[in-house]
PDB file of all heavy atoms in Angstrom:
ATOM      1  N   PRO A   1     112.443 115.029  92.808  1.00  0.00           N
ATOM      2  CA  PRO A   1     113.796 115.232  92.256  1.00  0.00           C
ATOM      3  C   PRO A   1     114.091 114.366  91.055  1.00  0.00           C
ATOM      4  O   PRO A   1     115.020 114.798  90.188  1.00  0.00           O
ATOM      5  CB  PRO A   1     114.797 114.800  93.457  1.00  0.00           C
ATOM      6  CG  PRO A   1     113.937 114.896  94.720  1.00  0.00           C
ATOM      7  CD  PRO A   1     112.557 114.609  94.205  1.00  0.00           C
ATOM      8  N   ASP A   2     113.606 113.169  90.997  1.00  0.00           N
ATOM      9  CA  ASP A   2     113.841 112.244  89.696  1.00  0.00           C
ATOM     10  C   ASP A   2     112.950 112.553  88.582  1.00  0.00           C
ATOM     11  O   ASP A   2     113.011 111.746  87.542  1.00  0.00           O
ATOM     12  CB  ASP A   2     113.845 110.848  90.187  1.00  0.00           C
ATOM     13  CG  ASP A   2     112.395 110.376  90.607  1.00  0.00           C
ATOM     14  OD1 ASP A   2     111.550 111.144  90.690  1.00  0.00           O
ATOM     15  OD2 ASP A   2     112.277 109.167  90.866  1.00  0.00           O
ATOM     16  N   SER A   3     112.062 113.469  88.694  1.00  0.00           N
ATOM     17  CA  SER A   3     111.105 113.898  87.571  1.00  0.00           C
ATOM     18  C   SER A   3     110.086 112.801  87.261  1.00  0.00           C
ATOM     19  O   SER A   3     109.472 112.834  86.181  1.00  0.00           O
ATOM     20  CB  SER A   3     111.846 114.187  86.345  1.00  0.00           C
ATOM     21  OG  SER A   3     112.747 115.383  86.615  1.00  0.00           O
ATOM     22  N   GLU A   4     109.893 111.918  88.169  1.00  0.00           N
ATOM     23  CA  GLU A   4     108.940 110.793  87.901  1.00  0.00           C
ATOM     24  C   GLU A   4     107.552 111.027  88.433  1.00  0.00           C
ATOM     25  O   GLU A   4     106.580 110.452  87.917  1.00  0.00           O
ATOM     26  CB  GLU A   4     109.471 109.452  88.516  1.00  0.00           C
ATOM     27  CG  GLU A   4     110.660 108.929  87.861  1.00  0.00           C
ATOM     28  CD  GLU A   4     110.440 108.522  86.393  1.00  0.00           C
ATOM     29  OE1 GLU A   4     109.427 107.951  86.065  1.00  0.00           O
ATOM     30  OE2 GLU A   4     111.337 108.737  85.536  1.00  0.00           O
ATOM     31  N   HIS A   5     107.448 111.935  89.366  1.00  0.00           N
ATOM     32  CA  HIS A   5     106.093 112.307  89.915  1.00  0.00           C
ATOM     33  C   HIS A   5     106.015 113.772  90.214  1.00  0.00           C
ATOM     34  O   HIS A   5     107.045 114.433  90.311  1.00  0.00           O
ATOM     35  CB  HIS A   5     105.868 111.572  91.307  1.00  0.00           C
ATOM     36  CG  HIS A   5     105.814 110.058  91.221  1.00  0.00           C
ATOM     37  ND1 HIS A   5     106.944 109.260  91.227  1.00  0.00           N
ATOM     38  CD2 HIS A   5     104.746 109.191  91.150  1.00  0.00           C
ATOM     39  CE1 HIS A   5     106.545 107.997  91.180  1.00  0.00           C
ATOM     40  NE2 HIS A   5     105.297 107.961  91.108  1.00  0.00           N
ATOM     41  N   PHE A   6     104.858 114.281  90.347  1.00  0.00           N
ATOM     42  CA  PHE A   6     104.649 115.749  90.921  1.00  0.00           C
ATOM     43  C   PHE A   6     103.473 115.571  91.819  1.00  0.00           C
ATOM     44  O   PHE A   6     102.514 114.750  91.713  1.00  0.00           O
ATOM     45  CB  PHE A   6     104.367 116.698  89.715  1.00  0.00           C
ATOM     46  CG  PHE A   6     103.198 116.427  88.843  1.00  0.00           C
ATOM     47  CD1 PHE A   6     101.955 116.846  89.118  1.00  0.00           C
ATOM     48  CD2 PHE A   6     103.384 115.653  87.637  1.00  0.00           C
ATOM     49  CE1 PHE A   6     100.927 116.592  88.357  1.00  0.00           C
ATOM     50  CE2 PHE A   6     102.237 115.444  86.859  1.00  0.00           C
ATOM     51  CZ  PHE A   6     101.091 115.845  87.140  1.00  0.00           C
ATOM     52  N   ALA A   7     103.510 116.486  92.843  1.00  0.00           N
ATOM     53  CA  ALA A   7     102.522 116.559  93.911  1.00  0.00           C
ATOM     54  C   ALA A   7     101.859 117.839  93.835  1.00  0.00           C
ATOM     55  O   ALA A   7     102.479 118.953  93.463  1.00  0.00           O
ATOM     56  CB  ALA A   7     103.178 116.234  95.225  1.00  0.00           C
ATOM     57  N   PHE A   8     100.600 117.949  94.363  1.00  0.00           N
ATOM     58  CA  PHE A   8      99.905 119.209  94.437  1.00  0.00           C
ATOM     59  C   PHE A   8      98.706 119.074  95.441  1.00  0.00           C
ATOM     60  O   PHE A   8      98.435 117.850  95.799  1.00  0.00           O
ATOM     61  CB  PHE A   8      99.346 119.604  93.092  1.00  0.00           C
ATOM     62  CG  PHE A   8      98.414 118.556  92.496  1.00  0.00           C
ATOM     63  CD1 PHE A   8      97.029 118.580  92.511  1.00  0.00           C
ATOM     64  CD2 PHE A   8      99.062 117.486  91.729  1.00  0.00           C
ATOM     65  CE1 PHE A   8      96.274 117.629  91.944  1.00  0.00           C
ATOM     66  CE2 PHE A   8      98.199 116.522  91.072  1.00  0.00           C
ATOM     67  CZ  PHE A   8      96.790 116.670  91.173  1.00  0.00           C
ATOM     68  N   SER A   9      98.295 120.084  96.050  1.00  0.00           N
ATOM     69  CA  SER A   9      97.029 120.055  96.840  1.00  0.00           C
ATOM     70  C   SER A   9      95.871 120.402  96.121  1.00  0.00           C
ATOM     71  O   SER A   9      95.873 121.265  95.133  1.00  0.00           O
ATOM     72  CB  SER A   9      97.225 120.979  98.062  1.00  0.00           C
ATOM     73  OG  SER A   9      97.183 122.355  97.671  1.00  0.00           O
ATOM     74  N   TRP A  10      94.775 119.636  96.356  1.00  0.00           N
ATOM     75  CA  TRP A  10      93.557 119.837  95.621  1.00  0.00           C
ATOM     76  C   TRP A  10      92.485 119.012  96.235  1.00  0.00           C
ATOM     77  O   TRP A  10      92.695 118.291  97.255  1.00  0.00           O
ATOM     78  CB  TRP A  10      93.752 119.374  94.164  1.00  0.00           C
ATOM     79  CG  TRP A  10      92.591 119.371  93.219  1.00  0.00           C
ATOM     80  CD1 TRP A  10      92.069 120.515  92.805  1.00  0.00           C
ATOM     81  CD2 TRP A  10      92.064 118.295  92.669  1.00  0.00           C
ATOM     82  NE1 TRP A  10      91.058 120.199  91.901  1.00  0.00           N
ATOM     83  CE2 TRP A  10      90.980 118.872  91.829  1.00  0.00           C
ATOM     84  CE3 TRP A  10      92.030 116.850  92.753  1.00  0.00           C
ATOM     85  CZ2 TRP A  10      90.085 118.007  91.031  1.00  0.00           C
ATOM     86  CZ3 TRP A  10      91.251 116.116  91.978  1.00  0.00           C
ATOM     87  CH2 TRP A  10      90.190 116.607  91.106  1.00  0.00           C
ATOM     88  N   SER A  11      91.262 119.337  95.985  1.00  0.00           N
ATOM     89  CA  SER A  11      90.112 118.562  96.427  1.00  0.00           C
ATOM     90  C   SER A  11      89.167 118.353  95.303  1.00  0.00           C
ATOM     91  O   SER A  11      88.949 119.136  94.387  1.00  0.00           O
ATOM     92  CB  SER A  11      89.321 119.248  97.644  1.00  0.00           C
ATOM     93  OG  SER A  11      88.739 120.499  97.053  1.00  0.00           O
ATOM     94  N   GLU A  12      88.663 117.121  95.283  1.00  0.00           N
ATOM     95  CA  GLU A  12      87.570 116.868  94.226  1.00  0.00           C
ATOM     96  C   GLU A  12      86.327 117.668  94.455  1.00  0.00           C
ATOM     97  O   GLU A  12      86.113 118.141  95.616  1.00  0.00           O
ATOM     98  CB  GLU A  12      87.210 115.412  94.394  1.00  0.00           C
ATOM     99  CG  GLU A  12      88.384 114.358  93.940  1.00  0.00           C
ATOM    100  CD  GLU A  12      87.977 112.945  94.122  1.00  0.00           C
ATOM    101  OE1 GLU A  12      87.871 112.537  95.368  1.00  0.00           O
ATOM    102  OE2 GLU A  12      87.834 112.296  93.187  1.00  0.00           O
ATOM    103  N   PRO A  13      85.500 117.728  93.470  1.00  0.00           N
ATOM    104  CA  PRO A  13      84.248 118.549  93.720  1.00  0.00           C
ATOM    105  C   PRO A  13      83.425 118.067  94.934  1.00  0.00           C
ATOM    106  O   PRO A  13      83.420 116.974  95.219  1.00  0.00           O
ATOM    107  CB  PRO A  13      83.532 118.270  92.423  1.00  0.00           C
ATOM    108  CG  PRO A  13      84.492 117.962  91.229  1.00  0.00           C
ATOM    109  CD  PRO A  13      85.634 117.281  92.200  1.00  0.00           C
ATOM    110  N   GLU A  14      83.046 119.172  95.672  1.00  0.00           N
ATOM    111  CA  GLU A  14      82.205 118.989  96.852  1.00  0.00           C
ATOM    112  C   GLU A  14      83.016 118.498  98.006  1.00  0.00           C
ATOM    113  O   GLU A  14      82.401 118.319  99.100  1.00  0.00           O
ATOM    114  CB  GLU A  14      80.942 118.082  96.564  1.00  0.00           C
ATOM    115  CG  GLU A  14      80.086 118.592  95.461  1.00  0.00           C
ATOM    116  CD  GLU A  14      78.780 117.911  95.348  1.00  0.00           C
ATOM    117  OE1 GLU A  14      78.209 117.417  96.338  1.00  0.00           O
ATOM    118  OE2 GLU A  14      78.258 117.751  94.192  1.00  0.00           O
ATOM    119  N   ASN A  15      84.270 118.287  97.982  1.00  0.00           N
ATOM    120  CA  ASN A  15      85.051 117.943  99.122  1.00  0.00           C
ATOM    121  C   ASN A  15      85.803 119.198  99.704  1.00  0.00           C
ATOM    122  O   ASN A  15      86.538 119.794  98.970  1.00  0.00           O
ATOM    123  CB  ASN A  15      86.107 116.936  98.718  1.00  0.00           C
ATOM    124  CG  ASN A  15      86.909 116.435  99.986  1.00  0.00           C
ATOM    125  OD1 ASN A  15      86.776 116.974 100.971  1.00  0.00           O
ATOM    126  ND2 ASN A  15      87.699 115.435  99.718  1.00  0.00           N
ATOM    127  N   PRO A  16      85.465 119.643 100.849  1.00  0.00           N
ATOM    128  CA  PRO A  16      86.108 120.874 101.360  1.00  0.00           C
ATOM    129  C   PRO A  16      87.625 120.736 101.800  1.00  0.00           C
ATOM    130  O   PRO A  16      88.145 121.784 102.086  1.00  0.00           O
ATOM    131  CB  PRO A  16      85.174 121.199 102.629  1.00  0.00           C
ATOM    132  CG  PRO A  16      84.833 119.886 103.123  1.00  0.00           C
ATOM    133  CD  PRO A  16      84.622 118.946 101.846  1.00  0.00           C
ATOM    134  N   VAL A  17      88.104 119.522 101.884  1.00  0.00           N
ATOM    135  CA  VAL A  17      89.532 119.484 102.399  1.00  0.00           C
ATOM    136  C   VAL A  17      90.505 119.358 101.239  1.00  0.00           C
ATOM    137  O   VAL A  17      90.350 118.611 100.317  1.00  0.00           O
ATOM    138  CB  VAL A  17      89.633 118.103 103.241  1.00  0.00           C
ATOM    139  CG1 VAL A  17      91.042 117.902 103.685  1.00  0.00           C
ATOM    140  CG2 VAL A  17      88.691 118.204 104.399  1.00  0.00           C
ATOM    141  N   ARG A  18      91.547 120.203 101.311  1.00  0.00           N
ATOM    142  CA  ARG A  18      92.575 120.260 100.214  1.00  0.00           C
ATOM    143  C   ARG A  18      93.486 119.031 100.592  1.00  0.00           C
ATOM    144  O   ARG A  18      94.289 119.055 101.487  1.00  0.00           O
ATOM    145  CB  ARG A  18      93.407 121.489 100.284  1.00  0.00           C
ATOM    146  CG  ARG A  18      92.862 122.471  99.404  1.00  0.00           C
ATOM    147  CD  ARG A  18      93.879 123.679  99.263  1.00  0.00           C
ATOM    148  NE  ARG A  18      93.505 124.682  98.238  1.00  0.00           N
ATOM    149  CZ  ARG A  18      93.727 124.598  96.925  1.00  0.00           C
ATOM    150  NH1 ARG A  18      94.460 123.491  96.450  1.00  0.00           N
ATOM    151  NH2 ARG A  18      93.257 125.474  96.090  1.00  0.00           N
ATOM    152  N   GLY A  19      93.416 117.971  99.813  1.00  0.00           N
ATOM    153  CA  GLY A  19      94.230 116.789  99.983  1.00  0.00           C
ATOM    154  C   GLY A  19      95.575 116.837  99.414  1.00  0.00           C
ATOM    155  O   GLY A  19      95.736 117.777  98.567  1.00  0.00           O
ATOM    156  N   LEU A  20      96.401 115.912  99.581  1.00  0.00           N
ATOM    157  CA  LEU A  20      97.728 115.793  98.960  1.00  0.00           C
ATOM    158  C   LEU A  20      97.570 114.722  97.857  1.00  0.00           C
ATOM    159  O   LEU A  20      97.163 113.533  98.059  1.00  0.00           O
ATOM    160  CB  LEU A  20      98.671 115.165  99.943  1.00  0.00           C
ATOM    161  CG  LEU A  20     100.092 114.931  99.372  1.00  0.00           C
ATOM    162  CD1 LEU A  20     100.769 116.009  98.814  1.00  0.00           C
ATOM    163  CD2 LEU A  20     100.968 114.260 100.479  1.00  0.00           C
ATOM    164  N   TRP A  21      97.763 115.164  96.608  1.00  0.00           N
ATOM    165  CA  TRP A  21      97.620 114.330  95.441  1.00  0.00           C
ATOM    166  C   TRP A  21      98.924 114.126  94.697  1.00  0.00           C
ATOM    167  O   TRP A  21      99.874 115.023  94.720  1.00  0.00           O
ATOM    168  CB  TRP A  21      96.607 114.984  94.379  1.00  0.00           C
ATOM    169  CG  TRP A  21      95.234 115.060  94.868  1.00  0.00           C
ATOM    170  CD1 TRP A  21      94.673 115.955  95.883  1.00  0.00           C
ATOM    171  CD2 TRP A  21      94.144 114.209  94.567  1.00  0.00           C
ATOM    172  NE1 TRP A  21      93.389 115.676  96.139  1.00  0.00           N
ATOM    173  CE2 TRP A  21      93.047 114.652  95.212  1.00  0.00           C
ATOM    174  CE3 TRP A  21      94.081 113.115  93.668  1.00  0.00           C
ATOM    175  CZ2 TRP A  21      91.819 114.017  95.203  1.00  0.00           C
ATOM    176  CZ3 TRP A  21      92.752 112.502  93.521  1.00  0.00           C
ATOM    177  CH2 TRP A  21      91.722 112.941  94.283  1.00  0.00           C
ATOM    178  N   VAL A  22      99.192 112.933  94.144  1.00  0.00           N
ATOM    179  CA  VAL A  22     100.393 112.659  93.470  1.00  0.00           C
ATOM    180  C   VAL A  22     100.104 112.037  92.045  1.00  0.00           C
ATOM    181  O   VAL A  22      99.125 111.231  91.949  1.00  0.00           O
ATOM    182  CB  VAL A  22     101.254 111.708  94.263  1.00  0.00           C
ATOM    183  CG1 VAL A  22     102.519 111.353  93.489  1.00  0.00           C
ATOM    184  CG2 VAL A  22     101.598 112.243  95.680  1.00  0.00           C
ATOM    185  N   SER A  23     100.868 112.471  91.087  1.00  0.00           N
ATOM    186  CA  SER A  23     100.671 112.033  89.729  1.00  0.00           C
ATOM    187  C   SER A  23     101.868 111.585  89.114  1.00  0.00           C
ATOM    188  O   SER A  23     102.983 112.204  89.413  1.00  0.00           O
ATOM    189  CB  SER A  23      99.986 113.070  88.896  1.00  0.00           C
ATOM    190  OG  SER A  23      99.878 112.668  87.452  1.00  0.00           O
ATOM    191  N   LYS A  24     101.909 110.622  88.218  1.00  0.00           N
ATOM    192  CA  LYS A  24     103.011 110.271  87.403  1.00  0.00           C
ATOM    193  C   LYS A  24     103.057 111.207  86.225  1.00  0.00           C
ATOM    194  O   LYS A  24     102.122 111.991  86.001  1.00  0.00           O
ATOM    195  CB  LYS A  24     103.003 108.781  87.008  1.00  0.00           C
ATOM    196  CG  LYS A  24     103.190 107.837  88.124  1.00  0.00           C
ATOM    197  CD  LYS A  24     103.378 106.402  87.645  1.00  0.00           C
ATOM    198  CE  LYS A  24     104.594 106.225  86.698  1.00  0.00           C
ATOM    199  NZ  LYS A  24     105.833 106.366  87.490  1.00  0.00           N
ATOM    200  N   THR A  25     104.125 111.162  85.475  1.00  0.00           N
ATOM    201  CA  THR A  25     104.333 112.109  84.422  1.00  0.00           C
ATOM    202  C   THR A  25     103.373 111.931  83.245  1.00  0.00           C
ATOM    203  O   THR A  25     103.217 112.850  82.426  1.00  0.00           O
ATOM    204  CB  THR A  25     105.753 111.899  83.817  1.00  0.00           C
ATOM    205  OG1 THR A  25     105.947 110.626  83.357  1.00  0.00           O
ATOM    206  CG2 THR A  25     106.774 112.315  84.904  1.00  0.00           C
ATOM    207  N   ASP A  26     102.593 110.760  83.151  1.00  0.00           N
ATOM    208  CA  ASP A  26     101.687 110.689  82.093  1.00  0.00           C
ATOM    209  C   ASP A  26     100.341 111.260  82.462  1.00  0.00           C
ATOM    210  O   ASP A  26      99.528 111.509  81.560  1.00  0.00           O
ATOM    211  CB  ASP A  26     101.419 109.225  81.713  1.00  0.00           C
ATOM    212  CG  ASP A  26     100.897 108.360  82.826  1.00  0.00           C
ATOM    213  OD1 ASP A  26     100.685 108.922  83.931  1.00  0.00           O
ATOM    214  OD2 ASP A  26     100.821 107.120  82.771  1.00  0.00           O
ATOM    215  N   GLY A  27     100.160 111.688  83.643  1.00  0.00           N
ATOM    216  CA  GLY A  27      98.902 112.358  84.137  1.00  0.00           C
ATOM    217  C   GLY A  27      97.705 111.512  84.230  1.00  0.00           C
ATOM    218  O   GLY A  27      96.655 111.969  84.489  1.00  0.00           O
ATOM    219  N   LYS A  28      97.853 110.229  84.058  1.00  0.00           N
ATOM    220  CA  LYS A  28      96.684 109.270  83.943  1.00  0.00           C
ATOM    221  C   LYS A  28      96.665 108.467  85.301  1.00  0.00           C
ATOM    222  O   LYS A  28      95.581 107.829  85.658  1.00  0.00           O
ATOM    223  CB  LYS A  28      96.942 108.348  82.851  1.00  0.00           C
ATOM    224  CG  LYS A  28      96.728 109.068  81.472  1.00  0.00           C
ATOM    225  CD  LYS A  28      96.824 108.111  80.238  1.00  0.00           C
ATOM    226  CE  LYS A  28      96.839 108.775  78.992  1.00  0.00           C
ATOM    227  NZ  LYS A  28      96.931 107.871  77.851  1.00  0.00           N
ATOM    228  N   LYS A  29      97.684 108.460  86.112  1.00  0.00           N
ATOM    229  CA  LYS A  29      97.692 107.660  87.314  1.00  0.00           C
ATOM    230  C   LYS A  29      97.758 108.681  88.466  1.00  0.00           C
ATOM    231  O   LYS A  29      98.918 109.055  88.921  1.00  0.00           O
ATOM    232  CB  LYS A  29      98.853 106.721  87.438  1.00  0.00           C
ATOM    233  CG  LYS A  29      98.740 105.676  86.339  1.00  0.00           C
ATOM    234  CD  LYS A  29      99.902 104.757  86.384  1.00  0.00           C
ATOM    235  CE  LYS A  29      99.823 103.664  85.325  1.00  0.00           C
ATOM    236  NZ  LYS A  29     101.011 102.785  85.215  1.00  0.00           N
ATOM    237  N   VAL A  30      96.687 109.241  88.904  1.00  0.00           N
ATOM    238  CA  VAL A  30      96.629 110.196  89.849  1.00  0.00           C
ATOM    239  C   VAL A  30      96.019 109.737  91.235  1.00  0.00           C
ATOM    240  O   VAL A  30      95.081 109.036  91.205  1.00  0.00           O
ATOM    241  CB  VAL A  30      95.721 111.492  89.464  1.00  0.00           C
ATOM    242  CG1 VAL A  30      95.679 112.653  90.419  1.00  0.00           C
ATOM    243  CG2 VAL A  30      96.161 111.943  88.028  1.00  0.00           C
ATOM    244  N   ARG A  31      96.809 109.919  92.220  1.00  0.00           N
ATOM    245  CA  ARG A  31      96.378 109.191  93.547  1.00  0.00           C
ATOM    246  C   ARG A  31      96.209 110.282  94.653  1.00  0.00           C
ATOM    247  O   ARG A  31      97.012 111.246  94.726  1.00  0.00           O
ATOM    248  CB  ARG A  31      97.576 108.273  94.024  1.00  0.00           C
ATOM    249  CG  ARG A  31      97.886 107.263  92.870  1.00  0.00           C
ATOM    250  CD  ARG A  31      98.852 106.311  93.425  1.00  0.00           C
ATOM    251  NE  ARG A  31     100.160 106.844  93.823  1.00  0.00           N
ATOM    252  CZ  ARG A  31     101.329 106.051  94.176  1.00  0.00           C
ATOM    253  NH1 ARG A  31     101.184 104.788  94.131  1.00  0.00           N
ATOM    254  NH2 ARG A  31     102.388 106.612  94.462  1.00  0.00           N
ATOM    255  N   LEU A  32      95.195 110.051  95.403  1.00  0.00           N
ATOM    256  CA  LEU A  32      95.014 110.901  96.661  1.00  0.00           C
ATOM    257  C   LEU A  32      95.857 110.200  97.750  1.00  0.00           C
ATOM    258  O   LEU A  32      95.489 109.109  98.074  1.00  0.00           O
ATOM    259  CB  LEU A  32      93.575 110.870  96.938  1.00  0.00           C
ATOM    260  CG  LEU A  32      93.189 111.521  98.301  1.00  0.00           C
ATOM    261  CD1 LEU A  32      93.588 113.034  98.322  1.00  0.00           C
ATOM    262  CD2 LEU A  32      91.672 111.441  98.606  1.00  0.00           C
ATOM    263  N   SER A  33      96.813 110.812  98.188  1.00  0.00           N
ATOM    264  CA  SER A  33      97.612 110.301  99.223  1.00  0.00           C
ATOM    265  C   SER A  33      97.129 110.585 100.618  1.00  0.00           C
ATOM    266  O   SER A  33      97.525 109.862 101.528  1.00  0.00           O
ATOM    267  CB  SER A  33      99.098 110.790  99.140  1.00  0.00           C
ATOM    268  OG  SER A  33      99.592 110.282  97.874  1.00  0.00           O
ATOM    269  N   SER A  34      96.432 111.729 100.733  1.00  0.00           N
ATOM    270  CA  SER A  34      95.817 112.035 102.011  1.00  0.00           C
ATOM    271  C   SER A  34      94.855 113.065 101.985  1.00  0.00           C
ATOM    272  O   SER A  34      94.937 113.988 101.183  1.00  0.00           O
ATOM    273  CB  SER A  34      97.000 112.521 102.969  1.00  0.00           C
ATOM    274  OG  SER A  34      96.381 112.948 104.174  1.00  0.00           O
ATOM    275  N   ASN A  35      93.739 112.976 102.795  1.00  0.00           N
ATOM    276  CA  ASN A  35      92.779 113.981 102.913  1.00  0.00           C
ATOM    277  C   ASN A  35      92.496 114.248 104.412  1.00  0.00           C
ATOM    278  O   ASN A  35      91.405 114.538 104.801  1.00  0.00           O
ATOM    279  CB  ASN A  35      91.465 113.751 102.078  1.00  0.00           C
ATOM    280  CG  ASN A  35      90.787 112.455 102.531  1.00  0.00           C
ATOM    281  OD1 ASN A  35      91.259 111.789 103.359  1.00  0.00           O
ATOM    282  ND2 ASN A  35      89.691 112.272 101.974  1.00  0.00           N
ATOM    283  N   THR A  36      93.451 113.956 105.273  1.00  0.00           N
ATOM    284  CA  THR A  36      93.355 114.080 106.710  1.00  0.00           C
ATOM    285  C   THR A  36      93.041 115.484 107.174  1.00  0.00           C
ATOM    286  O   THR A  36      92.341 115.689 108.033  1.00  0.00           O
ATOM    287  CB  THR A  36      94.591 113.479 107.435  1.00  0.00           C
ATOM    288  OG1 THR A  36      95.668 114.238 107.006  1.00  0.00           O
ATOM    289  CG2 THR A  36      94.729 112.089 107.179  1.00  0.00           C
ATOM    290  N   ALA A  37      93.652 116.423 106.622  1.00  0.00           N
ATOM    291  CA  ALA A  37      93.504 117.834 106.864  1.00  0.00           C
ATOM    292  C   ALA A  37      94.030 118.670 105.696  1.00  0.00           C
ATOM    293  O   ALA A  37      94.873 118.172 104.852  1.00  0.00           O
ATOM    294  CB  ALA A  37      94.182 118.204 108.181  1.00  0.00           C
ATOM    295  N   SER A  38      93.599 119.815 105.574  1.00  0.00           N
ATOM    296  CA  SER A  38      93.969 120.713 104.402  1.00  0.00           C
ATOM    297  C   SER A  38      95.528 120.861 104.328  1.00  0.00           C
ATOM    298  O   SER A  38      96.124 121.255 105.293  1.00  0.00           O
ATOM    299  CB  SER A  38      93.255 121.974 104.480  1.00  0.00           C
ATOM    300  OG  SER A  38      91.896 121.832 104.072  1.00  0.00           O
ATOM    301  N   VAL A  39      96.087 120.576 103.098  1.00  0.00           N
ATOM    302  CA  VAL A  39      97.445 120.660 102.904  1.00  0.00           C
ATOM    303  C   VAL A  39      97.831 122.144 102.540  1.00  0.00           C
ATOM    304  O   VAL A  39      97.166 122.740 101.676  1.00  0.00           O
ATOM    305  CB  VAL A  39      97.928 119.714 101.872  1.00  0.00           C
ATOM    306  CG1 VAL A  39      99.454 119.933 101.444  1.00  0.00           C
ATOM    307  CG2 VAL A  39      97.683 118.231 102.255  1.00  0.00           C
TER     308      VAL A  39
END
């Protein structure tokens, strides 16, 4: 809501689980928040 982050589901190459990823607006600080089960 504050336009500071955006989230998406995705998996890195060769990883079958769609994890929860979060990025700041600069796109350079991307974090995997979870890969417990496909989002």
